[in-house]
Amino acid sequence: MEGPIMKLSTLRATALTATLGSSLLVYSQSVLADLLRWNLQNVGFNDGGVATGFFLLDTQTAGPLTDFRVKVAGGKYPSYEYSPQNSSGSGRANPNFPGFSAVGVDFEATGRSLAFRASQLTKPGSYPLASIKDGGPSPSDDLSYETQGGFDVLHPARWIRTGSVTTGIPQPPGTLIKWTLDGVKFDNGGTATGWFVYDASMGAVEDFSLHIEGLCAIFNCADGKAQDINQSFPCQPSPYSFAPLCWQVHVYPRAALGTLSFSNGLSPSSEIDLNLATGKPLTDGGGTVPLSLGHFDEGSLTGSGAIFSHELLHSSVIAGALVGTVVPEPSRALFLVIGLAALGMLASARRHLGM
């Protein structure tokens, strides 16, 4: 039988154990609250490659990553999987607050490196990666990219063109609409052709390839050649002058005036812009949307057209529209190809049988 002293000791031990357990639970919850698992979502490079996977980030220390698995495949680079077994990973802190508010991560492997940048990585949610469309004065610090061997003529980087990070379950992209320029003409006789892919749910242009003819006074065409506006590898953002320039695109704002501005990303004194204004938002319904015709007023171009800000050279759009069609999902596109192939085989079989 236990005496009063033994019972008191037992009660004290139980209380101490409960206190320690509660303290450890609170501490572990605090530590776990600082660790966020970020999943890559619809991440693509400007050479056609893609990136998938995840990384764990301590949002308070922005130090070495505790775990990560990031696989890159396709495009101009060999496939590779960054992991703690073959690479180092670390968080990148906000320079204004060292050691706090990580805004990016870097992965280093033998002969290659990968970097993701985002506006926010300290709070749960979904955030777009800083992509080649965003530009920036110091691209290697501000944008997301992968490189083999460094930034030089022999080793051009490939840049993230689209994608985001999320603490939730990665979701497929929304309905994508491919908008094709139709009958676009400028007041000096020039023309614009091509297309861009727009995600209305995100208010973002996912890809684009435009072609300008007859505006060499503005675009400084070499030997009278036309100007291509795209982000195709091996183009590089400014200030890397050793490769073709990658153009940027901005949507203003999703789009009260429906304006998309394509820019060569140079300094204001030499920046060239191509503006496509519709006067209303572009939706995921597609269809035909007339372009707002441009006019030059008090040193600025209103509506659609091209402008070179330093020399104030400009050319206004006098006709044209955008024609939108749904971009099929990869699975649907695959079934479409298989279906067309099956129909072709059936037709061939009927010809051989004389049917």
Protein backbone atom coordinates (compact mmCIF):
# COMPACT_ATOMS: atom_id res chain seq x y z
CA MET A 1 0.00 0.00 0.00
CA GLU A 2 1.29 3.44 -0.99
CA GLY A 3 1.80 6.02 1.68
CA PRO A 4 0.88 9.73 1.41
CA ILE A 5 4.45 10.66 0.46
CA MET A 6 4.54 8.07 -2.35
CA LYS A 7 1.18 9.28 -3.72
CA LEU A 8 2.38 12.90 -3.69
CA SER A 9 5.56 11.94 -5.55
CA THR A 10 3.53 10.04 -8.13
CA LEU A 11 1.19 13.01 -8.67
CA ARG A 12 4.16 15.37 -9.07
CA ALA A 13 5.82 13.05 -11.58
CA THR A 14 2.58 12.76 -13.55
CA ALA A 15 2.13 16.54 -13.60
CA LEU A 16 5.75 17.06 -14.70
CA THR A 17 5.37 14.49 -17.48
CA ALA A 18 2.16 16.16 -18.67
CA THR A 19 3.84 19.59 -18.64
CA LEU A 20 6.84 18.32 -20.58
CA GLY A 21 4.60 16.52 -23.07
CA SER A 22 2.52 19.65 -23.59
CA SER A 23 5.66 21.77 -24.07
CA LEU A 24 7.09 19.30 -26.61
CA LEU A 25 3.78 19.23 -28.49
CA VAL A 26 3.67 23.02 -28.67
CA TYR A 27 7.32 23.14 -29.75
CA SER A 28 6.83 20.47 -32.43
CA GLN A 29 3.75 22.27 -33.75
CA SER A 30 5.74 25.52 -33.90
CA VAL A 31 8.55 23.82 -35.79
CA LEU A 32 6.13 22.16 -38.20
CA ALA A 33 4.35 25.48 -38.72
CA ASP A 34 7.63 26.93 -40.02
CA LEU A 35 8.07 24.06 -42.50
CA LEU A 36 6.06 24.32 -45.70
CA ARG A 37 5.90 21.75 -48.48
CA TRP A 38 5.76 23.53 -51.82
CA ASN A 39 4.55 21.54 -54.83
CA LEU A 40 5.38 22.59 -58.38
CA GLN A 41 2.34 23.24 -60.54
CA ASN A 42 2.31 23.42 -64.38
CA VAL A 43 5.96 24.56 -64.52
CA GLY A 44 7.37 24.89 -68.04
CA PHE A 45 10.61 26.23 -69.54
CA ASN A 46 11.00 28.35 -72.67
CA ASP A 47 12.63 25.42 -74.49
CA GLY A 48 9.63 23.13 -74.00
CA GLY A 49 10.95 21.36 -70.90
CA VAL A 50 8.91 20.86 -67.72
CA ALA A 51 9.62 20.59 -63.99
CA THR A 52 7.68 18.56 -61.42
CA GLY A 53 8.13 17.68 -57.74
CA PHE A 54 8.31 19.43 -54.37
CA PHE A 55 10.60 20.98 -51.75
CA LEU A 56 10.33 21.54 -47.97
CA LEU A 57 11.25 25.04 -46.85
CA ASP A 58 11.85 26.44 -43.37
CA THR A 59 10.27 29.86 -43.79
CA GLN A 60 12.08 31.40 -40.79
CA THR A 61 15.68 30.48 -41.47
CA ALA A 62 15.72 30.29 -45.28
CA GLY A 63 18.61 27.85 -44.84
CA PRO A 64 19.36 24.41 -46.28
CA LEU A 65 16.29 22.54 -47.51
CA THR A 66 15.36 19.51 -45.39
CA ASP A 67 13.97 17.55 -48.33
CA PHE A 68 13.28 18.01 -52.04
CA ARG A 69 12.60 16.03 -55.21
CA VAL A 70 12.50 18.13 -58.37
CA LYS A 71 12.54 16.39 -61.76
CA VAL A 72 13.21 18.25 -65.01
CA ALA A 73 12.54 16.63 -68.37
CA GLY A 74 12.21 17.58 -72.02
CA GLY A 75 13.58 20.59 -73.82
CA LYS A 76 17.25 21.17 -74.68
CA TYR A 77 18.70 19.81 -71.41
CA PRO A 78 19.08 16.13 -70.41
CA SER A 79 16.50 14.92 -67.90
CA TYR A 80 17.58 15.08 -64.26
CA GLU A 81 16.16 14.75 -60.75
CA TYR A 82 17.48 17.09 -58.06
CA SER A 83 17.45 15.39 -54.65
CA PRO A 84 19.46 15.48 -51.39
CA GLN A 85 21.42 12.47 -52.68
CA ASN A 86 22.98 14.36 -55.61
CA SER A 87 22.33 18.06 -55.02
CA SER A 88 22.27 20.81 -52.42
CA GLY A 89 19.19 22.93 -51.86
CA SER A 90 18.81 26.18 -49.94
CA GLY A 91 16.28 28.95 -49.36
CA ARG A 92 16.94 32.46 -50.55
CA ALA A 93 16.13 35.22 -48.07
CA ASN A 94 14.68 38.61 -48.79
CA PRO A 95 17.74 40.93 -48.95
CA ASN A 96 15.83 43.58 -46.99
CA PHE A 97 15.34 41.19 -44.06
CA PRO A 98 18.28 38.74 -43.94
CA GLY A 99 17.34 35.36 -42.51
CA PHE A 100 13.62 35.98 -42.89
CA SER A 101 10.93 35.81 -45.59
CA ALA A 102 12.43 33.38 -48.08
CA VAL A 103 11.52 34.41 -51.62
CA GLY A 104 13.26 31.68 -53.56
CA VAL A 105 15.17 28.42 -53.54
CA ASP A 106 18.35 27.30 -55.29
CA PHE A 107 19.42 23.77 -56.23
CA GLU A 108 23.05 23.04 -57.07
CA ALA A 109 24.24 19.81 -58.72
CA THR A 110 27.41 18.91 -60.56
CA GLY A 111 27.45 20.94 -63.77
CA ARG A 112 23.96 22.40 -63.47
CA SER A 113 21.77 24.55 -61.23
CA LEU A 114 18.08 25.35 -60.85
CA ALA A 115 16.41 28.38 -59.24
CA PHE A 116 12.82 29.23 -58.39
CA ARG A 117 11.72 32.77 -57.45
CA ALA A 118 8.32 33.85 -56.15
CA SER A 119 6.81 36.88 -54.45
CA GLN A 120 5.80 34.84 -51.41
CA LEU A 121 6.98 31.55 -49.88
CA THR A 122 6.35 32.12 -46.17
CA LYS A 123 2.55 31.70 -46.11
CA PRO A 124 0.48 28.74 -47.34
CA GLY A 125 -1.23 29.25 -50.69
CA SER A 126 -0.48 29.28 -54.41
CA TYR A 127 1.89 31.80 -55.97
CA PRO A 128 3.17 32.24 -59.55
CA LEU A 129 6.86 31.72 -60.17
CA ALA A 130 8.77 34.75 -61.39
CA SER A 131 9.04 33.87 -65.07
CA ILE A 132 10.74 35.16 -68.17
CA LYS A 133 7.58 37.17 -68.90
CA ASP A 134 8.29 39.31 -65.83
CA GLY A 135 11.75 40.51 -66.85
CA GLY A 136 13.88 42.40 -64.32
CA PRO A 137 17.14 44.36 -64.05
CA SER A 138 19.09 41.35 -62.74
CA PRO A 139 17.45 38.29 -64.30
CA SER A 140 19.59 35.66 -62.58
CA ASP A 141 18.51 37.06 -59.19
CA ASP A 142 14.90 37.93 -60.00
CA LEU A 143 13.67 35.18 -62.34
CA SER A 144 13.37 31.39 -62.30
CA TYR A 145 15.75 29.42 -64.52
CA GLU A 146 17.99 26.39 -65.03
CA THR A 147 21.50 26.49 -66.43
CA GLN A 148 24.32 24.13 -67.33
CA GLY A 149 27.75 25.63 -66.90
CA GLY A 150 26.78 29.26 -66.26
CA PHE A 151 25.53 32.25 -68.24
CA ASP A 152 27.59 32.69 -71.39
CA VAL A 153 27.52 32.18 -75.15
CA LEU A 154 28.23 28.45 -74.87
CA HIS A 155 25.81 27.87 -72.00
CA PRO A 156 22.59 29.86 -72.48
CA ALA A 157 20.16 29.41 -69.59
CA ARG A 158 16.63 28.16 -70.06
CA TRP A 159 14.05 30.22 -68.24
CA ILE A 160 10.79 29.35 -66.53
CA ARG A 161 8.04 30.45 -68.90
CA THR A 162 5.00 29.49 -66.83
CA GLY A 163 4.02 27.80 -63.58
CA SER A 164 3.49 28.28 -59.86
CA VAL A 165 4.12 26.72 -56.45
CA THR A 166 1.36 25.63 -54.09
CA THR A 167 1.04 24.17 -50.60
CA GLY A 168 -2.10 22.42 -51.79
CA ILE A 169 -2.61 19.64 -54.30
CA PRO A 170 -1.35 20.71 -57.76
CA GLN A 171 -4.21 21.47 -60.14
CA PRO A 172 -4.24 21.36 -63.95
CA PRO A 173 -4.32 24.73 -65.72
CA GLY A 174 -7.64 26.39 -66.38
CA THR A 175 -9.20 26.64 -69.81
CA LEU A 176 -6.56 28.00 -72.16
CA ILE A 177 -7.56 30.04 -75.19
CA LYS A 178 -5.28 30.51 -78.19
CA TRP A 179 -5.91 33.99 -79.60
CA THR A 180 -4.83 34.41 -83.23
CA LEU A 181 -4.23 37.84 -84.75
CA ASP A 182 -6.56 38.28 -87.72
CA GLY A 183 -6.13 41.01 -90.33
CA VAL A 184 -4.04 43.30 -88.08
CA LYS A 185 -2.75 46.31 -90.06
CA PHE A 186 -0.86 49.45 -89.07
CA ASP A 187 -1.29 52.98 -90.40
CA ASN A 188 2.05 52.83 -92.24
CA GLY A 189 1.18 49.65 -94.14
CA GLY A 190 2.80 47.21 -91.68
CA THR A 191 1.13 44.03 -90.48
CA ALA A 192 1.14 41.76 -87.43
CA THR A 193 0.44 38.02 -87.41
CA GLY A 194 0.83 35.21 -84.88
CA TRP A 195 -0.87 34.12 -81.66
CA PHE A 196 -0.79 34.07 -77.88
CA VAL A 197 -2.25 31.64 -75.30
CA TYR A 198 -4.23 33.26 -72.48
CA ASP A 199 -5.49 31.84 -69.17
CA ALA A 200 -8.45 34.01 -68.15
CA SER A 201 -8.64 32.43 -64.67
CA MET A 202 -5.10 33.62 -63.90
CA GLY A 203 -5.18 36.77 -66.04
CA ALA A 204 -1.88 35.67 -67.63
CA VAL A 205 -0.41 34.98 -71.04
CA GLU A 206 1.12 31.48 -71.03
CA ASP A 207 2.89 31.57 -74.39
CA PHE A 208 3.11 33.75 -77.50
CA SER A 209 4.67 34.00 -80.96
CA LEU A 210 4.06 37.18 -82.95
CA HIS A 211 5.48 38.35 -86.28
CA ILE A 212 5.79 41.99 -87.37
CA GLU A 213 6.28 43.16 -90.98
CA GLY A 214 6.94 46.68 -92.21
CA LEU A 215 7.74 48.46 -88.92
CA CYS A 216 11.52 48.58 -89.26
CA ALA A 217 11.63 52.27 -88.34
CA ILE A 218 10.41 51.26 -84.90
CA PHE A 219 11.78 47.76 -84.45
CA ASN A 220 15.18 48.43 -86.06
CA CYS A 221 14.94 45.34 -88.24
CA ALA A 222 18.34 44.04 -89.35
CA ASP A 223 18.67 44.23 -93.16
CA GLY A 224 14.97 44.93 -93.47
CA LYS A 225 13.98 41.61 -91.92
CA ALA A 226 10.78 41.32 -89.96
CA GLN A 227 10.67 41.25 -86.16
CA ASP A 228 9.69 38.13 -84.23
CA ILE A 229 8.26 38.55 -80.74
CA ASN A 230 8.53 35.39 -78.64
CA GLN A 231 10.34 33.65 -75.79
CA SER A 232 11.83 30.71 -77.67
CA PHE A 233 15.12 29.21 -76.49
CA PRO A 234 17.96 30.22 -76.77
CA CYS A 235 16.64 33.75 -76.28
CA GLN A 236 17.81 35.44 -73.09
CA PRO A 237 16.34 38.36 -71.11
CA SER A 238 18.15 41.68 -70.94
CA PRO A 239 21.04 42.33 -70.25
CA TYR A 240 22.41 39.12 -71.82
CA SER A 241 23.35 40.46 -75.24
CA PHE A 242 24.93 37.24 -76.52
CA ALA A 243 21.58 35.77 -77.63
CA PRO A 244 18.28 36.89 -79.15
CA LEU A 245 16.20 38.91 -76.72
CA CYS A 246 13.25 37.30 -74.94
CA TRP A 247 10.19 39.53 -74.96
CA GLN A 248 8.05 40.18 -71.90
CA VAL A 249 4.28 40.53 -71.71
CA HIS A 250 2.08 42.38 -69.21
CA VAL A 251 -1.69 42.27 -68.85
CA TYR A 252 -3.42 45.48 -67.68
CA PRO A 253 -5.31 44.67 -65.44
CA ARG A 254 -7.08 41.48 -66.21
CA ALA A 255 -8.16 43.49 -68.15
CA ALA A 256 -10.40 46.41 -67.47
CA LEU A 257 -9.35 47.71 -70.85
CA GLY A 258 -8.24 44.32 -72.11
CA THR A 259 -4.71 45.57 -72.91
CA LEU A 260 -1.74 43.27 -73.42
CA SER A 261 1.65 44.92 -73.76
CA PHE A 262 4.61 43.06 -75.27
CA SER A 263 7.97 44.66 -74.44
CA ASN A 264 11.59 44.00 -75.37
CA GLY A 265 12.51 44.63 -71.71
CA LEU A 266 15.21 47.21 -72.31
CA SER A 267 15.64 50.48 -70.43
CA PRO A 268 12.92 53.15 -70.86
CA SER A 269 15.13 55.07 -73.27
CA SER A 270 15.23 52.17 -75.75
CA GLU A 271 12.17 50.13 -74.82
CA ILE A 272 9.87 49.01 -77.63
CA ASP A 273 6.25 48.09 -76.92
CA LEU A 274 3.56 46.38 -78.94
CA ASN A 275 0.12 46.99 -77.41
CA LEU A 276 -2.98 44.96 -78.23
CA ALA A 277 -6.10 46.51 -76.69
CA THR A 278 -9.58 45.02 -76.94
CA GLY A 279 -11.54 47.37 -74.71
CA LYS A 280 -13.00 44.44 -72.78
CA PRO A 281 -11.68 41.41 -70.89
CA LEU A 282 -10.62 38.29 -72.76
CA THR A 283 -12.61 35.35 -71.41
CA ASP A 284 -12.32 31.58 -71.65
CA GLY A 285 -15.23 31.61 -74.10
CA GLY A 286 -13.03 32.46 -77.10
CA GLY A 287 -14.74 33.88 -80.20
CA THR A 288 -13.87 36.97 -82.20
CA VAL A 289 -12.89 40.18 -80.38
CA PRO A 290 -12.14 43.36 -82.41
CA LEU A 291 -9.00 45.28 -81.49
CA SER A 292 -9.37 48.86 -80.29
CA LEU A 293 -7.91 51.09 -82.99
CA GLY A 294 -4.94 53.17 -81.87
CA HIS A 295 -4.16 56.87 -81.98
CA PHE A 296 -1.22 58.95 -80.76
CA ASP A 297 -2.13 61.69 -78.29
CA GLU A 298 0.16 63.92 -76.16
CA GLY A 299 3.21 61.67 -76.34
CA SER A 300 1.47 58.35 -75.75
CA LEU A 301 -0.21 55.72 -77.85
CA THR A 302 -3.82 54.93 -76.92
CA GLY A 303 -5.37 51.68 -78.11
CA SER A 304 -3.51 49.14 -80.23
CA GLY A 305 -0.20 49.78 -81.94
CA ALA A 306 3.58 49.91 -81.57
CA ILE A 307 5.70 52.64 -79.98
CA PHE A 308 9.42 53.31 -79.43
CA SER A 309 9.42 55.53 -76.36
CA HIS A 310 12.82 57.22 -76.76
CA GLU A 311 12.33 58.52 -80.29
CA LEU A 312 8.52 58.66 -79.89
CA LEU A 313 8.18 56.71 -83.10
CA HIS A 314 4.80 55.08 -83.28
CA SER A 315 2.42 53.21 -85.54
CA SER A 316 -1.28 52.74 -84.83
CA VAL A 317 -3.42 49.71 -85.57
CA ILE A 318 -6.14 50.64 -88.09
CA ALA A 319 -7.77 47.21 -88.50
CA GLY A 320 -7.77 43.75 -86.97
CA ALA A 321 -9.25 41.37 -84.44
CA LEU A 322 -8.39 38.46 -82.16
CA VAL A 323 -9.91 35.03 -82.83
CA GLY A 324 -9.94 32.70 -79.82
CA THR A 325 -10.12 28.90 -79.83
CA VAL A 326 -9.79 26.45 -76.93
CA VAL A 327 -6.39 24.79 -76.51
CA PRO A 328 -7.12 21.04 -76.08
CA GLU A 329 -5.81 19.32 -72.97
CA PRO A 330 -2.87 16.95 -73.66
CA SER A 331 -5.03 13.89 -72.98
CA ARG A 332 -7.72 15.09 -75.36
CA ALA A 333 -5.13 15.91 -78.00
CA LEU A 334 -3.69 12.40 -77.67
CA PHE A 335 -7.12 10.80 -78.10
CA LEU A 336 -7.72 13.04 -81.11
CA VAL A 337 -4.47 11.87 -82.74
CA ILE A 338 -5.29 8.23 -82.00
CA GLY A 339 -8.79 8.69 -83.42
CA LEU A 340 -7.52 10.29 -86.61
CA ALA A 341 -4.94 7.52 -87.03
CA ALA A 342 -7.64 4.87 -86.57
CA LEU A 343 -9.84 6.54 -89.20
CA GLY A 344 -6.89 6.65 -91.60
CA MET A 345 -6.18 2.94 -91.10
CA LEU A 346 -9.86 2.12 -91.61
CA ALA A 347 -9.98 4.12 -94.85
CA SER A 348 -6.80 2.39 -96.07
CA ALA A 349 -8.24 -1.03 -95.26
CA ARG A 350 -11.43 -0.25 -97.17
CA ARG A 351 -9.45 0.81 -100.25
CA HIS A 352 -7.47 -2.44 -100.19
CA LEU A 353 -10.70 -4.46 -99.89
CA GLY A 354 -12.32 -2.50 -102.69
CA MET A 355 -15.11 -1.30 -100.46
